[in-house]
Amino acid sequence: MHFRAAHVDGAGRKARSRWRGLLGAAVLAAGAAMPAGAVITTVSDTGGVYAISLRVGSLSGVDTVAFSVTGNNVGLTPTAVTGSQTIDVSVTPIRPTTSSSTARPVTLKVDSLAGLPCQSGGCGSTIIPFSQISWVASNNGAATTGDIQNGRFNDTNNQQIASFNANATFCSFPLIIFCLGYTYQSNAMNATRMQFSYDNDVVYPAGNYKGTVRFTASME
């Protein structure tokens, strides 16, 4: 699953199952703006193998998040710039219907190491670091639930932004002091919404910048 973020003008199991999603971002330093191109819930276990699905953005196509830095906002009176759209992120573990109560840690990580290199417009070899971009998460649970929380990219290739245990085993036949039977289900992260913001507190050469962030979901 992919989403690419934007153009802007301005100054498994032991063998892991994983899906990846992409986020690209672009920032321009001056001139005219360019066009752009969870809640933890319980789901029933299905199938006969361990797997995991990751959705970043829309079901089809590639989402683009744009930051437009123009006019006085380039350098005279700079203020943070909100991205052109929100992005929903979902992670759904898939486990066999007969899976045991063994813990299955799920993690969601992002790779923002490459930054946002200049693409055109006279900015040369300048690269804007992804740490200039933060996000506010909504439709999520408290920090203790393992859902995505507010944060910012840290310019590394292994930043963890969420983690939770896929196992959600329930006692289906409870007695006073023990359980006669269990129902095996899984926890999933359902459509956590991310609203991105570009700090705009550093003046970069005018131009069109674009970069990609890779999302990776894995289950042990």
Protein backbone atom coordinates (compact mmCIF):
# COMPACT_ATOMS: atom_id res chain seq x y z
CA MET A 1 0.00 0.00 0.00
CA HIS A 2 1.37 3.42 -0.87
CA PHE A 3 0.93 7.10 -0.34
CA ARG A 4 3.27 9.75 -1.61
CA ALA A 5 3.46 13.13 0.00
CA ALA A 6 3.63 16.18 -1.90
CA HIS A 7 5.04 19.09 -3.82
CA VAL A 8 5.17 22.52 -2.19
CA ASP A 9 6.69 25.90 -3.11
CA GLY A 10 8.62 28.07 -0.69
CA ALA A 11 12.19 29.84 0.82
CA GLY A 12 4.95 -13.68 10.93
CA ARG A 13 5.70 -15.76 12.75
CA LYS A 14 9.35 -16.68 13.02
CA ALA A 15 9.59 -15.91 9.36
CA ARG A 16 8.03 -12.47 9.58
CA SER A 17 4.97 -11.49 7.63
CA ARG A 18 5.13 -7.86 6.56
CA TRP A 19 3.51 -5.38 4.20
CA ARG A 20 4.97 -2.02 3.33
CA GLY A 21 3.45 1.36 2.56
CA LEU A 22 5.06 4.45 1.12
CA LEU A 23 4.73 8.11 2.07
CA GLY A 24 6.33 10.70 -0.11
CA ALA A 25 6.52 14.37 0.76
CA ALA A 26 7.61 17.45 -1.07
CA VAL A 27 8.23 20.99 0.02
CA LEU A 28 8.98 24.03 -2.12
CA ALA A 29 10.77 27.03 -0.74
CA ALA A 30 9.40 29.94 -2.75
CA GLY A 31 7.14 30.77 -5.65
CA ALA A 32 3.82 29.34 -6.83
CA ALA A 33 2.43 26.19 -5.25
CA MET A 34 2.71 23.03 -7.36
CA PRO A 35 -0.15 20.52 -7.77
CA ALA A 36 0.19 17.30 -5.77
CA GLY A 37 -0.48 13.85 -7.05
CA ALA A 38 -7.31 3.57 15.33
CA VAL A 39 -8.59 2.37 17.23
CA ILE A 40 -7.44 -1.06 18.48
CA THR A 41 -10.33 -3.42 17.69
CA THR A 42 -10.87 -7.17 17.90
CA VAL A 43 -11.28 -9.22 14.71
CA SER A 44 -12.08 -12.90 14.21
CA ASP A 45 -9.20 -15.15 13.20
CA THR A 46 -9.55 -16.65 9.72
CA GLY A 47 -7.55 -18.82 7.38
CA GLY A 48 -4.80 -21.33 8.05
CA VAL A 49 -1.62 -19.25 8.08
CA TYR A 50 -0.06 -16.29 9.87
CA ALA A 51 0.01 -13.07 7.85
CA ILE A 52 -0.47 -9.33 8.27
CA SER A 53 -1.99 -6.59 6.13
CA LEU A 54 -1.07 -2.91 6.11
CA ARG A 55 -3.12 -0.16 4.50
CA VAL A 56 -1.68 3.36 4.15
CA GLY A 57 -4.09 5.84 2.58
CA SER A 58 -6.72 5.02 -0.03
CA LEU A 59 -7.68 1.54 -1.19
CA SER A 60 -6.49 2.34 -4.71
CA GLY A 61 -4.05 4.76 -6.30
CA VAL A 62 -1.42 6.83 -4.51
CA ASP A 63 -2.27 9.52 -1.97
CA THR A 64 -0.33 12.79 -2.04
CA VAL A 65 0.19 15.14 0.89
CA ALA A 66 1.24 18.64 -0.20
CA PHE A 67 2.68 21.55 1.80
CA SER A 68 2.44 24.91 0.06
CA VAL A 69 4.98 27.47 1.30
CA THR A 70 4.39 30.75 -0.54
CA GLY A 71 4.26 34.53 -0.10
CA ASN A 72 5.16 35.99 3.29
CA ASN A 73 5.16 32.48 4.72
CA VAL A 74 8.42 31.80 2.89
CA GLY A 75 10.54 33.88 5.25
CA LEU A 76 9.00 37.15 6.45
CA THR A 77 6.37 35.72 8.79
CA PRO A 78 6.82 31.93 8.59
CA THR A 79 4.25 29.67 10.19
CA ALA A 80 3.78 25.89 10.14
CA VAL A 81 1.97 24.51 7.09
CA THR A 82 -0.71 21.81 7.37
CA GLY A 83 -0.68 19.01 4.79
CA SER A 84 -3.32 18.95 2.07
CA GLN A 85 -5.05 15.80 3.36
CA THR A 86 -5.15 13.27 6.17
CA ILE A 87 -3.94 9.70 5.76
CA ASP A 88 -5.57 6.66 7.39
CA VAL A 89 -3.36 3.76 8.48
CA SER A 90 -4.67 0.29 9.34
CA VAL A 91 -2.81 -2.84 10.46
CA THR A 92 -4.67 -6.17 10.57
CA PRO A 93 -2.97 -9.37 11.79
CA ILE A 94 -4.27 -12.61 10.27
CA ARG A 95 -3.93 -15.75 12.36
CA PRO A 96 -5.16 -19.36 12.00
CA THR A 97 -8.55 -20.05 13.61
CA THR A 98 -6.81 -22.62 15.82
CA SER A 99 -4.02 -20.28 16.93
CA SER A 100 -2.94 -20.55 20.55
CA SER A 101 -2.83 -17.88 23.22
CA THR A 102 0.87 -17.25 22.48
CA ALA A 103 1.68 -13.53 22.31
CA ARG A 104 2.19 -12.20 18.77
CA PRO A 105 3.87 -8.77 18.94
CA VAL A 106 2.93 -6.43 16.06
CA THR A 107 5.04 -3.38 15.23
CA LEU A 108 4.64 -0.52 12.76
CA LYS A 109 7.83 1.28 11.71
CA VAL A 110 8.73 4.04 9.26
CA ASP A 111 11.87 4.76 7.25
CA SER A 112 12.42 8.50 6.65
CA LEU A 113 16.21 8.41 6.32
CA ALA A 114 16.45 9.69 2.73
CA GLY A 115 14.79 13.06 3.37
CA LEU A 116 13.22 15.24 0.66
CA PRO A 117 15.76 15.97 -2.11
CA CYS A 118 15.37 18.94 -4.46
CA GLN A 119 13.60 17.94 -7.69
CA SER A 120 13.54 21.22 -9.63
CA GLY A 121 13.35 24.99 -9.32
CA GLY A 122 16.95 25.91 -8.55
CA CYS A 123 17.40 24.29 -5.13
CA GLY A 124 20.38 22.26 -6.32
CA SER A 125 21.46 19.42 -4.04
CA THR A 126 19.51 20.63 -0.98
CA ILE A 127 17.70 17.95 1.03
CA ILE A 128 15.01 18.84 3.55
CA PRO A 129 15.06 16.35 6.46
CA PHE A 130 11.83 14.55 7.22
CA SER A 131 12.20 15.66 10.84
CA GLN A 132 10.68 18.94 9.60
CA ILE A 133 7.38 17.06 9.32
CA SER A 134 5.26 16.06 12.33
CA TRP A 135 1.79 14.55 12.65
CA VAL A 136 -1.26 14.60 14.88
CA ALA A 137 -3.02 11.24 15.24
CA SER A 138 -6.77 10.90 15.69
CA ASN A 139 -9.31 8.06 15.74
CA ASN A 140 -6.81 6.31 18.01
CA GLY A 141 -6.66 4.99 21.53
CA ALA A 142 -4.59 6.08 24.50
CA ALA A 143 -0.85 5.59 24.45
CA THR A 144 -1.25 2.40 26.49
CA THR A 145 -3.24 0.70 23.70
CA GLY A 146 -0.33 0.56 21.27
CA ASP A 147 -2.00 2.75 18.64
CA ILE A 148 -0.22 5.54 16.68
CA GLN A 149 0.24 8.66 18.82
CA ASN A 150 1.27 12.23 17.92
CA GLY A 151 4.87 12.43 16.76
CA ARG A 152 7.35 13.41 14.06
CA PHE A 153 9.70 11.64 11.70
CA ASN A 154 13.21 11.25 13.10
CA ASP A 155 15.32 10.81 9.92
CA THR A 156 16.15 7.15 10.65
CA ASN A 157 15.32 3.93 8.83
CA ASN A 158 13.80 2.10 11.81
CA GLN A 159 11.48 4.45 13.73
CA GLN A 160 8.74 2.59 15.61
CA ILE A 161 5.45 4.49 15.69
CA ALA A 162 3.09 1.79 17.04
CA SER A 163 3.15 -1.64 18.67
CA PHE A 164 0.56 -3.98 20.14
CA ASN A 165 -0.08 -7.66 20.85
CA ALA A 166 -2.14 -9.40 18.16
CA ASN A 167 -3.32 -12.04 20.62
CA ALA A 168 -6.83 -11.46 22.00
CA THR A 169 -7.75 -14.82 23.48
CA PHE A 170 -11.03 -14.91 25.43
CA CYS A 171 -12.38 -17.49 27.83
CA SER A 172 -15.60 -18.78 26.23
CA PHE A 173 -16.55 -21.18 29.06
CA PRO A 174 -15.52 -19.59 32.38
CA LEU A 175 -15.99 -21.37 35.66
CA ILE A 176 -15.34 -20.03 39.13
CA ILE A 177 -11.60 -20.73 39.24
CA PHE A 178 -10.67 -21.91 35.74
CA CYS A 179 -11.71 -21.89 32.07
CA LEU A 180 -13.01 -24.84 30.07
CA GLY A 181 -12.57 -23.34 26.61
CA TYR A 182 -11.12 -20.37 24.74
CA THR A 183 -12.05 -18.25 21.74
CA TYR A 184 -9.07 -17.10 19.70
CA GLN A 185 -9.26 -13.67 18.13
CA SER A 186 -6.82 -10.91 17.18
CA ASN A 187 -6.33 -7.24 17.93
CA ALA A 188 -6.11 -4.90 14.93
CA MET A 189 -5.34 -1.19 14.46
CA ASN A 190 -8.28 0.23 12.56
CA ALA A 191 -7.90 3.42 10.49
CA THR A 192 -5.80 5.66 12.70
CA ARG A 193 -5.81 9.10 11.02
CA MET A 194 -2.58 11.08 10.56
CA GLN A 195 -2.62 14.85 9.85
CA PHE A 196 0.84 16.05 8.78
CA SER A 197 2.41 19.47 9.34
CA TYR A 198 5.59 21.03 7.93
CA ASP A 199 7.47 23.10 10.55
CA ASN A 200 8.56 25.83 8.11
CA ASP A 201 11.07 27.19 10.65
CA VAL A 202 14.11 26.92 8.35
CA VAL A 203 14.53 28.89 5.09
CA TYR A 204 15.53 26.48 2.28
CA PRO A 205 16.36 27.45 -1.33
CA ALA A 206 13.26 27.90 -3.50
CA GLY A 207 12.29 24.81 -5.39
CA ASN A 208 10.32 21.61 -5.55
CA TYR A 209 11.28 18.93 -3.01
CA LYS A 210 9.95 15.40 -2.89
CA GLY A 211 10.64 12.37 -0.70
CA THR A 212 9.29 9.00 0.34
CA VAL A 213 8.67 7.41 3.72
CA ARG A 214 8.33 3.63 3.87
CA PHE A 215 5.90 2.06 6.36
CA THR A 216 6.55 -1.54 7.45
CA ALA A 217 4.20 -3.68 9.58
CA SER A 218 5.46 -6.95 11.03
CA MET A 219 4.19 -9.70 13.34
CA GLU A 220 6.48 -12.11 15.18
